[in-house]
Amino acid sequence: MTKMAVLGAGSWGTALANTAAENGTEVHLWTHNPKQADEINQNHTNARYLPNAKLIQTLTATSDMTSAVAGADIVLNVVPTKAVREVAKELAKTLELLDHTVILAHATKGLEQGTYKRISEMLAEEVPVQRRSALAVISGPSHAEDVIKHDLTAVTIASTDDEAAKLLQKVLSNRHFRTYTNHDLLGSELAAALKNIIAIGSGALTGLGYGDNAKAALLTRGLVEMRRLGQAMGAQPETFLGLSGIGDLIVTGMSKNSRNYRAGMALGEGKTLAAVQEDMGMVIEGVNTTKAVYDFATQYKVDMPITAAIYRVLYEGLSIPDAIDELMSRPLKSES
């Protein structure tokens, strides 16, 4: 039997851990909070992150990293971006202590604040190569709130190691959760981060009272920007037309289950960014990602007017109506 450790008992980590456990995998879900581990083990619930959801009884939780990782074939990191390095350092120490090597995967969507590094780059820096046989990323259109209810879902597992990707594919796939593989780790991670920016913009349009036409235009032109930057940075352009790209963009940019979309809605309704962040109570990955991508666009000389407009709203105090006016008044051009 394949053994898997999932690090991070938020909504997405719990949903993925539950999916793998339902498929017969031995799964240990690690959380830094002992009370949360007790709730999962005793009540088979995670009320804070997945209200009303009942978890499979074979899923076990622990606040002890060693207990979670011992004997694991796969370690799946699903902690917020800001916690990735801290948790990865602890994982590296644990693997060294156990003299153990694992497939190291993650399902976190963001870029490191300050360095702008992707999650796989952070993990590779913190976990020695002799303790990880492969790196992989899970991405695609997948709200945890829907996955836990067995809504039909399809995601991508990206890795340069085919065998590692196929093992993850086997562990996670079933009749309601389908996985595909690809080799474009860079593109999958970039798309997963970039779509959060566009989702903020889409939510802002909703908050201002705009309809489906406006959001469809924003998502379509936003995808052009995502693909443009991805190509400049070395990603495969087709990745942005798949589940990691357009798929994730649609679900994040059109649903109130998305924190980035809800944050944008609140901004469109007139709330300040500080108030939105306080009310949300969870990380809004797109806010930090906007600054990173704005700088990437400058560095790689890529035209990203939507991203630039959202950056100015978040960091320079530009009003959303003025940002929309500027975008709609740009010189006319060909789509191709």
C-alpha atoms as a PDB file:
ATOM      1  CA  MET A   1       0.000   0.000   0.000  1.00  0.00           C
ATOM      2  CA  THR A   2       1.245   3.489  -0.881  1.00  0.00           C
ATOM      3  CA  LYS A   3       1.779   5.747   2.121  1.00  0.00           C
ATOM      4  CA  MET A   4       1.358   9.489   1.932  1.00  0.00           C
ATOM      5  CA  ALA A   5       1.922  12.391   4.310  1.00  0.00           C
ATOM      6  CA  VAL A   6       0.019  15.622   3.694  1.00  0.00           C
ATOM      7  CA  LEU A   7       1.494  18.694   5.379  1.00  0.00           C
ATOM      8  CA  GLY A   8      -1.123  21.346   6.100  1.00  0.00           C
ATOM      9  CA  ALA A   9      -4.670  20.716   7.331  1.00  0.00           C
ATOM     10  CA  GLY A  10      -6.357  23.701   5.735  1.00  0.00           C
ATOM     11  CA  SER A  11      -9.259  23.197   3.347  1.00  0.00           C
ATOM     12  CA  TRP A  12      -7.208  22.071   0.323  1.00  0.00           C
ATOM     13  CA  GLY A  13      -4.783  19.882   2.256  1.00  0.00           C
ATOM     14  CA  THR A  14      -7.660  18.175   4.033  1.00  0.00           C
ATOM     15  CA  ALA A  15      -9.630  17.645   0.809  1.00  0.00           C
ATOM     16  CA  LEU A  16      -6.633  16.090  -0.975  1.00  0.00           C
ATOM     17  CA  ALA A  17      -5.770  13.928   2.031  1.00  0.00           C
ATOM     18  CA  ASN A  18      -9.374  12.728   2.256  1.00  0.00           C
ATOM     19  CA  THR A  19      -9.463  11.933  -1.476  1.00  0.00           C
ATOM     20  CA  ALA A  20      -6.307   9.815  -1.263  1.00  0.00           C
ATOM     21  CA  ALA A  21      -7.569   8.047   1.875  1.00  0.00           C
ATOM     22  CA  GLU A  22     -10.885   7.252   0.178  1.00  0.00           C
ATOM     23  CA  ASN A  23      -8.864   5.583  -2.585  1.00  0.00           C
ATOM     24  CA  GLY A  24      -7.262   3.218  -0.070  1.00  0.00           C
ATOM     25  CA  THR A  25      -3.985   5.077   0.473  1.00  0.00           C
ATOM     26  CA  GLU A  26      -2.619   5.229   4.015  1.00  0.00           C
ATOM     27  CA  VAL A  27      -2.645   8.973   4.667  1.00  0.00           C
ATOM     28  CA  HIS A  28      -1.304  10.923   7.634  1.00  0.00           C
ATOM     29  CA  LEU A  29      -2.372  14.575   7.721  1.00  0.00           C
ATOM     30  CA  TRP A  30       0.047  16.852   9.593  1.00  0.00           C
ATOM     31  CA  THR A  31      -1.053  20.028  11.324  1.00  0.00           C
ATOM     32  CA  HIS A  32       0.845  22.317  13.692  1.00  0.00           C
ATOM     33  CA  ASN A  33      -2.316  22.472  15.842  1.00  0.00           C
ATOM     34  CA  PRO A  34      -2.789  19.468  18.199  1.00  0.00           C
ATOM     35  CA  LYS A  35      -6.450  20.394  18.844  1.00  0.00           C
ATOM     36  CA  GLN A  36      -7.160  20.285  15.120  1.00  0.00           C
ATOM     37  CA  ALA A  37      -5.519  16.847  14.907  1.00  0.00           C
ATOM     38  CA  ASP A  38      -7.701  15.634  17.795  1.00  0.00           C
ATOM     39  CA  GLU A  39     -10.846  16.919  16.070  1.00  0.00           C
ATOM     40  CA  ILE A  40      -9.993  15.132  12.822  1.00  0.00           C
ATOM     41  CA  ASN A  41      -9.177  11.861  14.611  1.00  0.00           C
ATOM     42  CA  GLN A  42     -12.097  11.869  17.040  1.00  0.00           C
ATOM     43  CA  ASN A  43     -14.912  13.605  15.129  1.00  0.00           C
ATOM     44  CA  HIS A  44     -13.697  13.107  11.543  1.00  0.00           C
ATOM     45  CA  THR A  45     -14.375  16.774  10.843  1.00  0.00           C
ATOM     46  CA  ASN A  46     -12.351  19.926  10.150  1.00  0.00           C
ATOM     47  CA  ALA A  47     -15.033  22.454  11.029  1.00  0.00           C
ATOM     48  CA  ARG A  48     -12.955  25.604  10.656  1.00  0.00           C
ATOM     49  CA  TYR A  49     -11.902  24.951   7.075  1.00  0.00           C
ATOM     50  CA  LEU A  50     -14.557  22.559   5.730  1.00  0.00           C
ATOM     51  CA  PRO A  51     -17.818  23.147   7.646  1.00  0.00           C
ATOM     52  CA  ASN A  52     -20.384  20.334   7.472  1.00  0.00           C
ATOM     53  CA  ALA A  53     -17.935  17.940   5.763  1.00  0.00           C
ATOM     54  CA  LYS A  54     -17.469  14.422   7.114  1.00  0.00           C
ATOM     55  CA  LEU A  55     -13.999  12.934   6.600  1.00  0.00           C
ATOM     56  CA  ILE A  56     -13.268   9.267   5.999  1.00  0.00           C
ATOM     57  CA  GLN A  57     -12.447   7.484   9.261  1.00  0.00           C
ATOM     58  CA  THR A  58      -9.211   5.963   7.916  1.00  0.00           C
ATOM     59  CA  LEU A  59      -7.679   9.439   7.569  1.00  0.00           C
ATOM     60  CA  THR A  60      -5.484  10.126  10.585  1.00  0.00           C
ATOM     61  CA  ALA A  61      -4.047  13.448  11.706  1.00  0.00           C
ATOM     62  CA  THR A  62      -1.037  14.300  13.827  1.00  0.00           C
ATOM     63  CA  SER A  63       0.923  17.319  15.008  1.00  0.00           C
ATOM     64  CA  ASP A  64       4.130  15.249  15.070  1.00  0.00           C
ATOM     65  CA  MET A  65       6.084  15.587  11.828  1.00  0.00           C
ATOM     66  CA  THR A  66       8.078  12.392  12.410  1.00  0.00           C
ATOM     67  CA  SER A  67       4.934  10.349  12.899  1.00  0.00           C
ATOM     68  CA  ALA A  68       3.411  11.806   9.715  1.00  0.00           C
ATOM     69  CA  VAL A  69       6.423  11.266   7.461  1.00  0.00           C
ATOM     70  CA  ALA A  70       7.828   7.939   8.691  1.00  0.00           C
ATOM     71  CA  GLY A  71       7.573   5.366   5.917  1.00  0.00           C
ATOM     72  CA  ALA A  72       5.837   7.738   3.499  1.00  0.00           C
ATOM     73  CA  ASP A  73       6.336   7.258  -0.232  1.00  0.00           C
ATOM     74  CA  ILE A  74       4.929  10.728  -0.973  1.00  0.00           C
ATOM     75  CA  VAL A  75       5.001  13.954   1.024  1.00  0.00           C
ATOM     76  CA  LEU A  76       2.487  16.517  -0.223  1.00  0.00           C
ATOM     77  CA  ASN A  77       3.036  20.075   1.027  1.00  0.00           C
ATOM     78  CA  VAL A  78      -0.162  22.151   1.146  1.00  0.00           C
ATOM     79  CA  VAL A  79       0.715  24.936   3.601  1.00  0.00           C
ATOM     80  CA  PRO A  80       0.312  28.650   2.694  1.00  0.00           C
ATOM     81  CA  THR A  81       3.160  30.217   0.728  1.00  0.00           C
ATOM     82  CA  LYS A  82       4.448  32.195   3.708  1.00  0.00           C
ATOM     83  CA  ALA A  83       4.870  28.970   5.720  1.00  0.00           C
ATOM     84  CA  VAL A  84       6.488  26.836   3.002  1.00  0.00           C
ATOM     85  CA  ARG A  85      10.119  27.426   3.998  1.00  0.00           C
ATOM     86  CA  GLU A  86       9.545  26.928   7.714  1.00  0.00           C
ATOM     87  CA  VAL A  87       7.701  23.660   7.179  1.00  0.00           C
ATOM     88  CA  ALA A  88      10.202  22.501   4.530  1.00  0.00           C
ATOM     89  CA  LYS A  89      13.088  23.069   6.959  1.00  0.00           C
ATOM     90  CA  GLU A  90      11.316  20.904   9.530  1.00  0.00           C
ATOM     91  CA  LEU A  91      10.626  18.266   6.889  1.00  0.00           C
ATOM     92  CA  ALA A  92      14.294  18.204   5.840  1.00  0.00           C
ATOM     93  CA  LYS A  93      15.395  17.644   9.445  1.00  0.00           C
ATOM     94  CA  THR A  94      12.818  14.915   9.869  1.00  0.00           C
ATOM     95  CA  LEU A  95      13.810  13.084   6.681  1.00  0.00           C
ATOM     96  CA  GLU A  96      17.478  13.290   7.692  1.00  0.00           C
ATOM     97  CA  LEU A  97      16.676  11.901  11.134  1.00  0.00           C
ATOM     98  CA  LEU A  98      14.697   9.050   9.575  1.00  0.00           C
ATOM     99  CA  ASP A  99      17.295   8.545   6.805  1.00  0.00           C
ATOM    100  CA  HIS A 100      14.386   8.552   4.382  1.00  0.00           C
ATOM    101  CA  THR A 101      13.753   9.779   0.799  1.00  0.00           C
ATOM    102  CA  VAL A 102      10.351  10.708  -0.631  1.00  0.00           C
ATOM    103  CA  ILE A 103       8.559  12.030  -3.675  1.00  0.00           C
ATOM    104  CA  LEU A 104       8.039  15.673  -2.720  1.00  0.00           C
ATOM    105  CA  ALA A 105       4.922  17.320  -4.128  1.00  0.00           C
ATOM    106  CA  HIS A 106       2.986  20.492  -3.381  1.00  0.00           C
ATOM    107  CA  ALA A 107      -0.425  22.002  -4.091  1.00  0.00           C
ATOM    108  CA  THR A 108       0.218  25.588  -2.964  1.00  0.00           C
ATOM    109  CA  LYS A 109      -0.566  28.426  -5.385  1.00  0.00           C
ATOM    110  CA  GLY A 110       1.624  31.467  -4.964  1.00  0.00           C
ATOM    111  CA  LEU A 111       5.081  33.068  -5.110  1.00  0.00           C
ATOM    112  CA  GLU A 112       7.379  33.847  -2.199  1.00  0.00           C
ATOM    113  CA  GLN A 113       7.149  37.423  -1.023  1.00  0.00           C
ATOM    114  CA  GLY A 114      10.411  39.297  -1.585  1.00  0.00           C
ATOM    115  CA  THR A 115      12.255  36.627  -3.613  1.00  0.00           C
ATOM    116  CA  TYR A 116       9.347  35.859  -5.998  1.00  0.00           C
ATOM    117  CA  LYS A 117      10.423  32.220  -6.067  1.00  0.00           C
ATOM    118  CA  ARG A 118       8.038  29.447  -7.001  1.00  0.00           C
ATOM    119  CA  ILE A 119       7.044  26.847  -4.412  1.00  0.00           C
ATOM    120  CA  SER A 120       9.110  24.071  -6.031  1.00  0.00           C
ATOM    121  CA  GLU A 121      12.175  26.339  -5.967  1.00  0.00           C
ATOM    122  CA  MET A 122      11.689  26.953  -2.252  1.00  0.00           C
ATOM    123  CA  LEU A 123      11.253  23.248  -1.540  1.00  0.00           C
ATOM    124  CA  ALA A 124      14.334  22.373  -3.614  1.00  0.00           C
ATOM    125  CA  GLU A 125      16.399  24.876  -1.639  1.00  0.00           C
ATOM    126  CA  GLU A 126      15.274  23.596   1.750  1.00  0.00           C
ATOM    127  CA  VAL A 127      15.048  19.820   1.235  1.00  0.00           C
ATOM    128  CA  PRO A 128      18.378  18.250   0.085  1.00  0.00           C
ATOM    129  CA  VAL A 129      18.275  16.410  -3.221  1.00  0.00           C
ATOM    130  CA  GLN A 130      19.235  13.131  -1.519  1.00  0.00           C
ATOM    131  CA  ARG A 131      15.979  13.312   0.494  1.00  0.00           C
ATOM    132  CA  ARG A 132      13.648  13.838  -2.501  1.00  0.00           C
ATOM    133  CA  SER A 133      13.492  11.513  -5.485  1.00  0.00           C
ATOM    134  CA  ALA A 134      11.273  13.870  -7.479  1.00  0.00           C
ATOM    135  CA  LEU A 135       9.403  17.183  -7.359  1.00  0.00           C
ATOM    136  CA  ALA A 136       5.798  17.568  -8.473  1.00  0.00           C
ATOM    137  CA  VAL A 137       2.975  20.105  -8.355  1.00  0.00           C
ATOM    138  CA  ILE A 138      -0.792  19.585  -8.287  1.00  0.00           C
ATOM    139  CA  SER A 139      -2.814  22.399  -9.861  1.00  0.00           C
ATOM    140  CA  GLY A 140      -6.042  23.043 -11.736  1.00  0.00           C
ATOM    141  CA  PRO A 141      -9.682  24.069 -11.190  1.00  0.00           C
ATOM    142  CA  SER A 142     -10.395  22.614  -7.767  1.00  0.00           C
ATOM    143  CA  HIS A 143     -12.241  24.274  -4.898  1.00  0.00           C
ATOM    144  CA  ALA A 144     -11.729  22.182  -1.773  1.00  0.00           C
ATOM    145  CA  GLU A 145     -15.348  22.827  -0.788  1.00  0.00           C
ATOM    146  CA  ASP A 146     -16.483  21.040  -3.961  1.00  0.00           C
ATOM    147  CA  VAL A 147     -13.886  18.250  -3.908  1.00  0.00           C
ATOM    148  CA  ILE A 148     -14.905  17.177  -0.403  1.00  0.00           C
ATOM    149  CA  LYS A 149     -18.511  16.846  -1.684  1.00  0.00           C
ATOM    150  CA  HIS A 150     -17.356  14.676  -4.606  1.00  0.00           C
ATOM    151  CA  ASP A 151     -18.126  17.262  -7.241  1.00  0.00           C
ATOM    152  CA  LEU A 152     -16.556  16.215 -10.556  1.00  0.00           C
ATOM    153  CA  THR A 153     -13.021  17.625 -10.633  1.00  0.00           C
ATOM    154  CA  ALA A 154     -10.000  17.384 -12.948  1.00  0.00           C
ATOM    155  CA  VAL A 155      -6.474  18.581 -12.099  1.00  0.00           C
ATOM    156  CA  THR A 156      -2.941  18.381 -13.453  1.00  0.00           C
ATOM    157  CA  ILE A 157       0.096  16.753 -11.862  1.00  0.00           C
ATOM    158  CA  ALA A 158       3.256  18.300 -13.291  1.00  0.00           C
ATOM    159  CA  SER A 159       6.673  16.719 -12.868  1.00  0.00           C
ATOM    160  CA  THR A 160       9.752  15.998 -14.933  1.00  0.00           C
ATOM    161  CA  ASP A 161       9.707  12.515 -13.370  1.00  0.00           C
ATOM    162  CA  ASP A 162       7.082  10.397 -15.158  1.00  0.00           C
ATOM    163  CA  GLU A 163       7.018   7.637 -12.550  1.00  0.00           C
ATOM    164  CA  ALA A 164       6.453  10.071  -9.695  1.00  0.00           C
ATOM    165  CA  ALA A 165       3.641  11.807 -11.587  1.00  0.00           C
ATOM    166  CA  LYS A 166       1.996   8.473 -12.396  1.00  0.00           C
ATOM    167  CA  LEU A 167       2.132   7.354  -8.755  1.00  0.00           C
ATOM    168  CA  LEU A 168       0.457  10.572  -7.634  1.00  0.00           C
ATOM    169  CA  GLN A 169      -2.056  10.123 -10.449  1.00  0.00           C
ATOM    170  CA  LYS A 170      -2.901   6.632  -9.190  1.00  0.00           C
ATOM    171  CA  VAL A 171      -3.158   7.740  -5.560  1.00  0.00           C
ATOM    172  CA  LEU A 172      -5.570  10.605  -6.250  1.00  0.00           C
ATOM    173  CA  SER A 173      -7.710   9.481  -9.199  1.00  0.00           C
ATOM    174  CA  ASN A 174     -11.206   8.037  -8.872  1.00  0.00           C
ATOM    175  CA  ARG A 175     -14.661   8.373 -10.468  1.00  0.00           C
ATOM    176  CA  HIS A 176     -15.133  11.952  -9.265  1.00  0.00           C
ATOM    177  CA  PHE A 177     -11.514  13.199  -9.126  1.00  0.00           C
ATOM    178  CA  ARG A 178      -9.545  12.834 -12.381  1.00  0.00           C
ATOM    179  CA  THR A 179      -5.861  13.687 -12.805  1.00  0.00           C
ATOM    180  CA  TYR A 180      -3.739  14.349 -15.888  1.00  0.00           C
ATOM    181  CA  THR A 181       0.063  14.581 -16.052  1.00  0.00           C
ATOM    182  CA  ASN A 182       2.447  16.954 -17.826  1.00  0.00           C
ATOM    183  CA  HIS A 183       6.118  17.896 -17.697  1.00  0.00           C
ATOM    184  CA  ASP A 184       5.771  21.677 -17.361  1.00  0.00           C
ATOM    185  CA  LEU A 185       6.431  22.359 -13.690  1.00  0.00           C
ATOM    186  CA  LEU A 186       7.307  26.000 -14.406  1.00  0.00           C
ATOM    187  CA  GLY A 187       4.176  26.734 -16.430  1.00  0.00           C
ATOM    188  CA  SER A 188       1.873  24.934 -14.000  1.00  0.00           C
ATOM    189  CA  GLU A 189       3.206  26.884 -11.028  1.00  0.00           C
ATOM    190  CA  LEU A 190       3.159  30.221 -12.843  1.00  0.00           C
ATOM    191  CA  ALA A 191      -0.402  29.718 -14.055  1.00  0.00           C
ATOM    192  CA  ALA A 192      -1.543  28.716 -10.571  1.00  0.00           C
ATOM    193  CA  ALA A 193      -0.130  31.953  -9.153  1.00  0.00           C
ATOM    194  CA  LEU A 194      -1.010  34.335 -11.988  1.00  0.00           C
ATOM    195  CA  LYS A 195      -4.717  33.485 -12.146  1.00  0.00           C
ATOM    196  CA  ASN A 196      -5.169  34.816  -8.596  1.00  0.00           C
ATOM    197  CA  ILE A 197      -4.429  38.337  -9.870  1.00  0.00           C
ATOM    198  CA  ILE A 198      -7.082  38.130 -12.560  1.00  0.00           C
ATOM    199  CA  ALA A 199      -9.543  36.685 -10.037  1.00  0.00           C
ATOM    200  CA  ILE A 200      -9.181  39.810  -7.886  1.00  0.00           C
ATOM    201  CA  GLY A 201     -10.035  41.906 -10.933  1.00  0.00           C
ATOM    202  CA  SER A 202     -13.019  39.717 -11.790  1.00  0.00           C
ATOM    203  CA  GLY A 203     -14.360  39.972  -8.255  1.00  0.00           C
ATOM    204  CA  ALA A 204     -13.940  43.749  -8.364  1.00  0.00           C
ATOM    205  CA  LEU A 205     -16.099  43.908 -11.505  1.00  0.00           C
ATOM    206  CA  THR A 206     -18.812  41.955  -9.691  1.00  0.00           C
ATOM    207  CA  GLY A 207     -18.550  44.230  -6.684  1.00  0.00           C
ATOM    208  CA  LEU A 208     -19.086  47.230  -8.936  1.00  0.00           C
ATOM    209  CA  GLY A 209     -22.160  45.651 -10.515  1.00  0.00           C
ATOM    210  CA  TYR A 210     -20.737  44.638 -13.892  1.00  0.00           C
ATOM    211  CA  GLY A 211     -22.062  41.477 -15.553  1.00  0.00           C
ATOM    212  CA  ASP A 212     -20.856  38.404 -17.399  1.00  0.00           C
ATOM    213  CA  ASN A 213     -19.658  40.288 -20.501  1.00  0.00           C
ATOM    214  CA  ALA A 214     -17.155  42.262 -18.440  1.00  0.00           C
ATOM    215  CA  LYS A 215     -15.875  39.230 -16.559  1.00  0.00           C
ATOM    216  CA  ALA A 216     -15.546  37.154 -19.740  1.00  0.00           C
ATOM    217  CA  ALA A 217     -13.513  39.934 -21.363  1.00  0.00           C
ATOM    218  CA  LEU A 218     -11.281  40.260 -18.319  1.00  0.00           C
ATOM    219  CA  LEU A 219     -10.632  36.517 -18.006  1.00  0.00           C
ATOM    220  CA  THR A 220      -9.892  36.144 -21.717  1.00  0.00           C
ATOM    221  CA  ARG A 221      -7.493  39.070 -21.915  1.00  0.00           C
ATOM    222  CA  GLY A 222      -6.044  38.082 -18.551  1.00  0.00           C
ATOM    223  CA  LEU A 223      -5.219  34.663 -19.954  1.00  0.00           C
ATOM    224  CA  VAL A 224      -3.369  36.374 -22.814  1.00  0.00           C
ATOM    225  CA  GLU A 225      -1.209  38.170 -20.248  1.00  0.00           C
ATOM    226  CA  MET A 226      -0.594  34.974 -18.266  1.00  0.00           C
ATOM    227  CA  ARG A 227       0.487  33.077 -21.367  1.00  0.00           C
ATOM    228  CA  ARG A 228       2.628  35.971 -22.594  1.00  0.00           C
ATOM    229  CA  LEU A 229       4.610  36.148 -19.353  1.00  0.00           C
ATOM    230  CA  GLY A 230       4.858  32.370 -19.074  1.00  0.00           C
ATOM    231  CA  GLN A 231       6.422  32.093 -22.522  1.00  0.00           C
ATOM    232  CA  ALA A 232       8.884  34.876 -21.728  1.00  0.00           C
ATOM    233  CA  MET A 233       9.966  32.998 -18.592  1.00  0.00           C
ATOM    234  CA  GLY A 234      10.376  29.661 -20.397  1.00  0.00           C
ATOM    235  CA  ALA A 235       7.059  27.898 -19.788  1.00  0.00           C
ATOM    236  CA  GLN A 236       5.194  25.904 -22.428  1.00  0.00           C
ATOM    237  CA  PRO A 237       2.394  28.064 -23.919  1.00  0.00           C
ATOM    238  CA  GLU A 238      -0.015  25.116 -24.174  1.00  0.00           C
ATOM    239  CA  THR A 239       0.043  24.736 -20.385  1.00  0.00           C
ATOM    240  CA  PHE A 240      -1.955  27.963 -20.124  1.00  0.00           C
ATOM    241  CA  LEU A 241      -4.668  26.478 -22.346  1.00  0.00           C
ATOM    242  CA  GLY A 242      -5.066  23.442 -20.079  1.00  0.00           C
ATOM    243  CA  LEU A 243      -6.396  22.714 -16.598  1.00  0.00           C
ATOM    244  CA  SER A 244      -3.554  24.566 -14.850  1.00  0.00           C
ATOM    245  CA  GLY A 245      -4.209  27.664 -16.941  1.00  0.00           C
ATOM    246  CA  ILE A 246      -7.638  28.439 -18.343  1.00  0.00           C
ATOM    247  CA  GLY A 247      -9.311  25.790 -16.164  1.00  0.00           C
ATOM    248  CA  ASP A 248      -8.024  27.228 -12.900  1.00  0.00           C
ATOM    249  CA  LEU A 249      -8.604  30.773 -14.154  1.00  0.00           C
ATOM    250  CA  ILE A 250     -12.293  30.087 -14.813  1.00  0.00           C
ATOM    251  CA  VAL A 251     -13.005  28.483 -11.453  1.00  0.00           C
ATOM    252  CA  THR A 252     -11.036  31.080  -9.491  1.00  0.00           C
ATOM    253  CA  GLY A 253     -12.267  34.070 -11.450  1.00  0.00           C
ATOM    254  CA  MET A 254     -15.975  33.186 -11.369  1.00  0.00           C
ATOM    255  CA  SER A 255     -16.691  31.664  -7.964  1.00  0.00           C
ATOM    256  CA  LYS A 256     -17.345  33.021  -4.484  1.00  0.00           C
ATOM    257  CA  ASN A 257     -15.478  29.973  -3.154  1.00  0.00           C
ATOM    258  CA  SER A 258     -12.301  31.784  -4.268  1.00  0.00           C
ATOM    259  CA  ARG A 259     -10.731  34.042  -1.631  1.00  0.00           C
ATOM    260  CA  ASN A 260      -9.169  36.180  -4.361  1.00  0.00           C
ATOM    261  CA  TYR A 261     -12.520  36.648  -6.097  1.00  0.00           C
ATOM    262  CA  ARG A 262     -14.220  37.512  -2.779  1.00  0.00           C
ATOM    263  CA  ALA A 263     -11.436  39.968  -1.966  1.00  0.00           C
ATOM    264  CA  GLY A 264     -11.934  41.656  -5.323  1.00  0.00           C
ATOM    265  CA  MET A 265     -15.692  41.843  -4.728  1.00  0.00           C
ATOM    266  CA  ALA A 266     -15.136  43.577  -1.403  1.00  0.00           C
ATOM    267  CA  LEU A 267     -12.737  46.061  -3.021  1.00  0.00           C
ATOM    268  CA  GLY A 268     -15.288  46.739  -5.739  1.00  0.00           C
ATOM    269  CA  GLU A 269     -17.906  47.396  -3.069  1.00  0.00           C
ATOM    270  CA  GLY A 270     -15.660  50.102  -1.607  1.00  0.00           C
ATOM    271  CA  LYS A 271     -13.800  48.389   1.225  1.00  0.00           C
ATOM    272  CA  THR A 272     -10.108  49.140   1.768  1.00  0.00           C
ATOM    273  CA  LEU A 273      -7.479  46.466   1.162  1.00  0.00           C
ATOM    274  CA  ALA A 274      -6.559  46.475   4.863  1.00  0.00           C
ATOM    275  CA  ALA A 275     -10.188  45.901   5.848  1.00  0.00           C
ATOM    276  CA  VAL A 276     -10.571  43.122   3.277  1.00  0.00           C
ATOM    277  CA  GLN A 277      -7.469  41.318   4.513  1.00  0.00           C
ATOM    278  CA  GLU A 278      -8.610  41.592   8.128  1.00  0.00           C
ATOM    279  CA  ASP A 279     -12.129  40.360   7.336  1.00  0.00           C
ATOM    280  CA  MET A 280     -10.902  37.437   5.245  1.00  0.00           C
ATOM    281  CA  GLY A 281      -8.873  35.876   8.061  1.00  0.00           C
ATOM    282  CA  MET A 282      -6.942  33.754   5.523  1.00  0.00           C
ATOM    283  CA  VAL A 283      -4.139  34.462   3.073  1.00  0.00           C
ATOM    284  CA  ILE A 284      -5.156  36.269  -0.152  1.00  0.00           C
ATOM    285  CA  GLU A 285      -2.345  34.927  -2.346  1.00  0.00           C
ATOM    286  CA  GLY A 286      -3.164  37.220  -5.272  1.00  0.00           C
ATOM    287  CA  VAL A 287      -2.270  40.410  -3.390  1.00  0.00           C
ATOM    288  CA  ASN A 288       1.397  39.492  -2.959  1.00  0.00           C
ATOM    289  CA  THR A 289       1.492  37.773  -6.355  1.00  0.00           C
ATOM    290  CA  THR A 290       0.389  41.001  -8.051  1.00  0.00           C
ATOM    291  CA  LYS A 291       3.517  42.810  -6.897  1.00  0.00           C
ATOM    292  CA  ALA A 292       5.757  39.923  -7.961  1.00  0.00           C
ATOM    293  CA  VAL A 293       4.209  39.675 -11.419  1.00  0.00           C
ATOM    294  CA  TYR A 294       4.258  43.437 -11.928  1.00  0.00           C
ATOM    295  CA  ASP A 295       8.024  43.282 -11.346  1.00  0.00           C
ATOM    296  CA  PHE A 296       8.355  40.207 -13.598  1.00  0.00           C
ATOM    297  CA  ALA A 297       6.584  42.085 -16.395  1.00  0.00           C
ATOM    298  CA  THR A 298       9.098  44.910 -16.076  1.00  0.00           C
ATOM    299  CA  GLN A 299      12.066  42.534 -15.907  1.00  0.00           C
ATOM    300  CA  TYR A 300      10.994  40.459 -18.926  1.00  0.00           C
ATOM    301  CA  LYS A 301       9.591  43.463 -20.850  1.00  0.00           C
ATOM    302  CA  VAL A 302       6.127  41.901 -21.179  1.00  0.00           C
ATOM    303  CA  ASP A 303       3.046  44.062 -21.739  1.00  0.00           C
ATOM    304  CA  MET A 304       0.523  43.221 -18.967  1.00  0.00           C
ATOM    305  CA  PRO A 305      -1.945  46.125 -18.734  1.00  0.00           C
ATOM    306  CA  ILE A 306      -4.542  44.309 -16.593  1.00  0.00           C
ATOM    307  CA  THR A 307      -1.927  43.220 -14.077  1.00  0.00           C
ATOM    308  CA  ALA A 308      -0.473  46.745 -14.027  1.00  0.00           C
ATOM    309  CA  ALA A 309      -3.922  48.221 -13.389  1.00  0.00           C
ATOM    310  CA  ILE A 310      -4.616  45.821 -10.505  1.00  0.00           C
ATOM    311  CA  TYR A 311      -1.157  46.583  -9.087  1.00  0.00           C
ATOM    312  CA  ARG A 312      -1.934  50.305  -9.107  1.00  0.00           C
ATOM    313  CA  VAL A 313      -5.255  49.680  -7.358  1.00  0.00           C
ATOM    314  CA  LEU A 314      -3.668  47.528  -4.641  1.00  0.00           C
ATOM    315  CA  TYR A 315      -0.414  49.423  -4.100  1.00  0.00           C
ATOM    316  CA  GLU A 316      -0.800  52.967  -5.427  1.00  0.00           C
ATOM    317  CA  GLY A 317      -4.348  53.890  -4.466  1.00  0.00           C
ATOM    318  CA  LEU A 318      -5.812  54.067  -7.978  1.00  0.00           C
ATOM    319  CA  SER A 319      -9.609  53.771  -7.830  1.00  0.00           C
ATOM    320  CA  ILE A 320     -11.108  50.751  -9.553  1.00  0.00           C
ATOM    321  CA  PRO A 321     -13.408  52.838 -11.809  1.00  0.00           C
ATOM    322  CA  ASP A 322     -10.390  54.882 -12.944  1.00  0.00           C
ATOM    323  CA  ALA A 323      -8.436  51.678 -13.599  1.00  0.00           C
ATOM    324  CA  ILE A 324     -11.305  50.371 -15.744  1.00  0.00           C
ATOM    325  CA  ASP A 325     -11.514  53.656 -17.668  1.00  0.00           C
ATOM    326  CA  GLU A 326      -7.791  53.533 -18.407  1.00  0.00           C
ATOM    327  CA  LEU A 327      -7.980  49.938 -19.660  1.00  0.00           C
ATOM    328  CA  MET A 328     -11.010  50.588 -21.853  1.00  0.00           C
ATOM    329  CA  SER A 329      -9.414  53.755 -23.299  1.00  0.00           C
ATOM    330  CA  ARG A 330      -6.154  52.138 -24.415  1.00  0.00           C
ATOM    331  CA  PRO A 331      -5.247  52.450 -28.121  1.00  0.00           C
ATOM    332  CA  LEU A 332      -7.236  50.067 -30.301  1.00  0.00           C
ATOM    333  CA  LYS A 333      -5.330  47.034 -31.631  1.00  0.00           C
ATOM    334  CA  SER A 334      -5.634  43.627 -33.274  1.00  0.00           C
ATOM    335  CA  GLU A 335      -6.395  40.630 -31.063  1.00  0.00           C
ATOM    336  CA  SER A 336      -3.841  38.415 -32.821  1.00  0.00           C
END
